[in-house]
Amino acid sequence: MSTFELQIVTPDGQFFSGQAARLSVRGIEGDLCILPRHIAFATALAVGEARVTIDEKVRRAACSGGMVTVMKNHVRLVATTFEWEEDIDKERAILAREKAEQTLRVAKDVREISVAKAKLSRALVRIQVSK
């Protein structure tokens, strides 16, 4: 199976480095899939589920924004946060969802509403991926 070099980086440092056969992520303009020999490409990422095919196995992750670049069969994903399915604390994600929903019910300030919506979106993706 053909592969490409994938590097996933977060503010905490290098998260993953190795060969992958496929990367599916949510871009700001919709879902996208990177395969070996993809053309040079760059885009911002939205909050969403990521799927990485490594050694013919699909690994799911919650990705909350960032950017992805493709250059000469090397893909670099720089994410605000990136969590593999098995590392997600589902109870914590449920509490974060509840807190964000509560904030949205009482928030009046535009910034407070915007922050709560972003937190709700991240929590929902983490819950979805952890199932």
Protein backbone atom coordinates (compact mmCIF):
# COMPACT_ATOMS: atom_id res chain seq x y z
CA MET A 1 0.00 0.00 0.00
CA SER A 2 1.28 3.43 -0.94
CA THR A 3 1.89 5.87 1.93
CA PHE A 4 3.03 9.39 2.73
CA GLU A 5 4.94 10.90 5.65
CA LEU A 6 2.50 12.33 8.20
CA GLN A 7 3.49 14.65 11.00
CA ILE A 8 0.91 15.82 13.54
CA VAL A 9 1.95 18.68 15.81
CA THR A 10 0.08 20.42 18.65
CA PRO A 11 1.14 23.27 20.95
CA ASP A 12 2.43 20.55 23.31
CA GLY A 13 4.90 19.30 20.67
CA GLN A 14 5.06 16.48 18.16
CA PHE A 15 2.01 14.27 18.52
CA PHE A 16 2.63 11.72 15.74
CA SER A 17 5.22 11.10 13.05
CA GLY A 18 5.15 8.19 10.65
CA GLN A 19 3.77 6.70 7.46
CA ALA A 20 0.04 6.92 6.68
CA ALA A 21 -2.06 5.78 3.72
CA ARG A 22 -4.90 8.27 4.19
CA LEU A 23 -5.85 11.34 6.23
CA SER A 24 -9.42 12.61 6.43
CA VAL A 25 -10.09 15.88 8.25
CA ARG A 26 -12.63 18.68 8.41
CA GLY A 27 -11.40 21.76 6.58
CA ILE A 28 -13.03 25.16 6.97
CA GLU A 29 -14.77 24.61 3.63
CA GLY A 30 -15.75 20.98 4.26
CA ASP A 31 -14.31 17.50 4.66
CA LEU A 32 -11.17 16.55 2.76
CA CYS A 33 -9.09 13.46 2.23
CA ILE A 34 -5.35 13.36 1.63
CA LEU A 35 -3.93 10.34 -0.20
CA PRO A 36 -0.37 9.53 -1.32
CA ARG A 37 0.96 11.77 -4.11
CA HIS A 38 -1.58 14.51 -3.34
CA ILE A 39 -0.87 17.85 -5.01
CA ALA A 40 0.69 20.65 -2.97
CA PHE A 41 -2.07 22.00 -0.79
CA ALA A 42 -2.74 24.02 2.36
CA THR A 43 -5.92 24.84 4.23
CA ALA A 44 -7.21 25.81 7.65
CA LEU A 45 -8.94 23.15 9.71
CA ALA A 46 -12.26 23.35 11.50
CA VAL A 47 -13.32 21.42 14.58
CA GLY A 48 -14.14 17.87 13.53
CA GLU A 49 -13.30 14.21 13.43
CA ALA A 50 -10.01 13.13 11.87
CA ARG A 51 -9.34 9.65 10.51
CA VAL A 52 -5.82 8.41 9.88
CA THR A 53 -5.13 5.11 8.11
CA ILE A 54 -1.92 3.58 9.47
CA ASP A 55 -0.85 0.02 8.64
CA GLU A 56 -4.30 -0.64 7.10
CA LYS A 57 -6.06 0.33 10.36
CA VAL A 58 -8.18 3.45 10.74
CA ARG A 59 -7.54 5.54 13.85
CA ARG A 60 -10.13 8.14 14.80
CA ALA A 61 -9.33 11.39 16.59
CA ALA A 62 -10.92 14.65 17.68
CA CYS A 63 -9.21 17.61 16.02
CA SER A 64 -10.07 21.15 17.07
CA GLY A 65 -8.78 23.46 14.40
CA GLY A 66 -5.40 24.29 12.99
CA MET A 67 -4.04 23.80 9.50
CA VAL A 68 -2.80 21.09 7.17
CA THR A 69 -0.15 21.37 4.45
CA VAL A 70 0.86 18.88 1.76
CA MET A 71 4.20 19.15 -0.04
CA LYS A 72 6.01 16.41 -1.97
CA ASN A 73 4.28 13.46 -0.26
CA HIS A 74 4.82 14.99 3.19
CA VAL A 75 1.74 16.04 5.17
CA ARG A 76 1.97 18.26 8.22
CA LEU A 77 -1.10 18.77 10.40
CA VAL A 78 -0.75 21.52 12.99
CA ALA A 79 -3.72 21.24 15.35
CA THR A 80 -4.92 23.31 18.27
CA THR A 81 -5.77 19.99 19.94
CA PHE A 82 -5.66 16.43 18.62
CA GLU A 83 -6.81 13.42 20.67
CA TRP A 84 -6.93 9.79 19.62
CA GLU A 85 -10.27 8.11 20.30
CA GLU A 86 -8.90 5.98 23.13
CA ASP A 87 -7.40 9.01 24.91
CA ILE A 88 -10.63 11.00 25.13
CA ASP A 89 -12.14 11.33 28.60
CA LYS A 90 -15.80 10.97 27.64
CA GLU A 91 -17.14 12.03 31.05
CA ARG A 92 -15.06 15.21 30.93
CA ALA A 93 -16.33 15.91 27.40
CA ILE A 94 -19.94 15.46 28.57
CA LEU A 95 -19.35 17.88 31.46
CA ALA A 96 -17.80 20.39 29.03
CA ARG A 97 -20.85 20.08 26.77
CA GLU A 98 -23.23 20.65 29.69
CA LYS A 99 -21.26 23.66 30.90
CA ALA A 100 -21.18 25.19 27.40
CA GLU A 101 -24.92 24.62 26.97
CA GLN A 102 -25.58 26.26 30.34
CA THR A 103 -23.43 29.24 29.40
CA LEU A 104 -25.32 29.62 26.11
CA ARG A 105 -28.65 29.67 27.97
CA VAL A 106 -27.64 32.68 30.09
CA ALA A 107 -24.97 34.46 28.01
CA LYS A 108 -25.71 37.95 26.78
CA ASP A 109 -22.28 39.12 25.61
CA VAL A 110 -21.33 38.33 21.99
CA ARG A 111 -17.83 37.19 22.96
CA GLU A 112 -19.15 34.94 25.73
CA ILE A 113 -21.62 33.36 23.29
CA SER A 114 -18.87 32.84 20.70
CA VAL A 115 -16.54 31.17 23.20
CA ALA A 116 -19.34 28.94 24.52
CA LYS A 117 -20.26 27.86 20.97
CA ALA A 118 -16.63 26.93 20.27
CA LYS A 119 -16.41 24.94 23.51
CA LEU A 120 -19.69 23.19 22.70
CA SER A 121 -18.44 22.27 19.24
CA ARG A 122 -15.21 20.78 20.62
CA ALA A 123 -17.11 18.84 23.30
CA LEU A 124 -19.56 17.42 20.76
CA VAL A 125 -16.74 16.20 18.49
CA ARG A 126 -14.94 14.59 21.43
CA ILE A 127 -18.16 12.82 22.48
CA GLN A 128 -18.83 11.66 18.92
CA VAL A 129 -15.31 10.30 18.43
CA SER A 130 -15.27 8.57 21.84
CA LYS A 131 -18.31 6.40 21.03
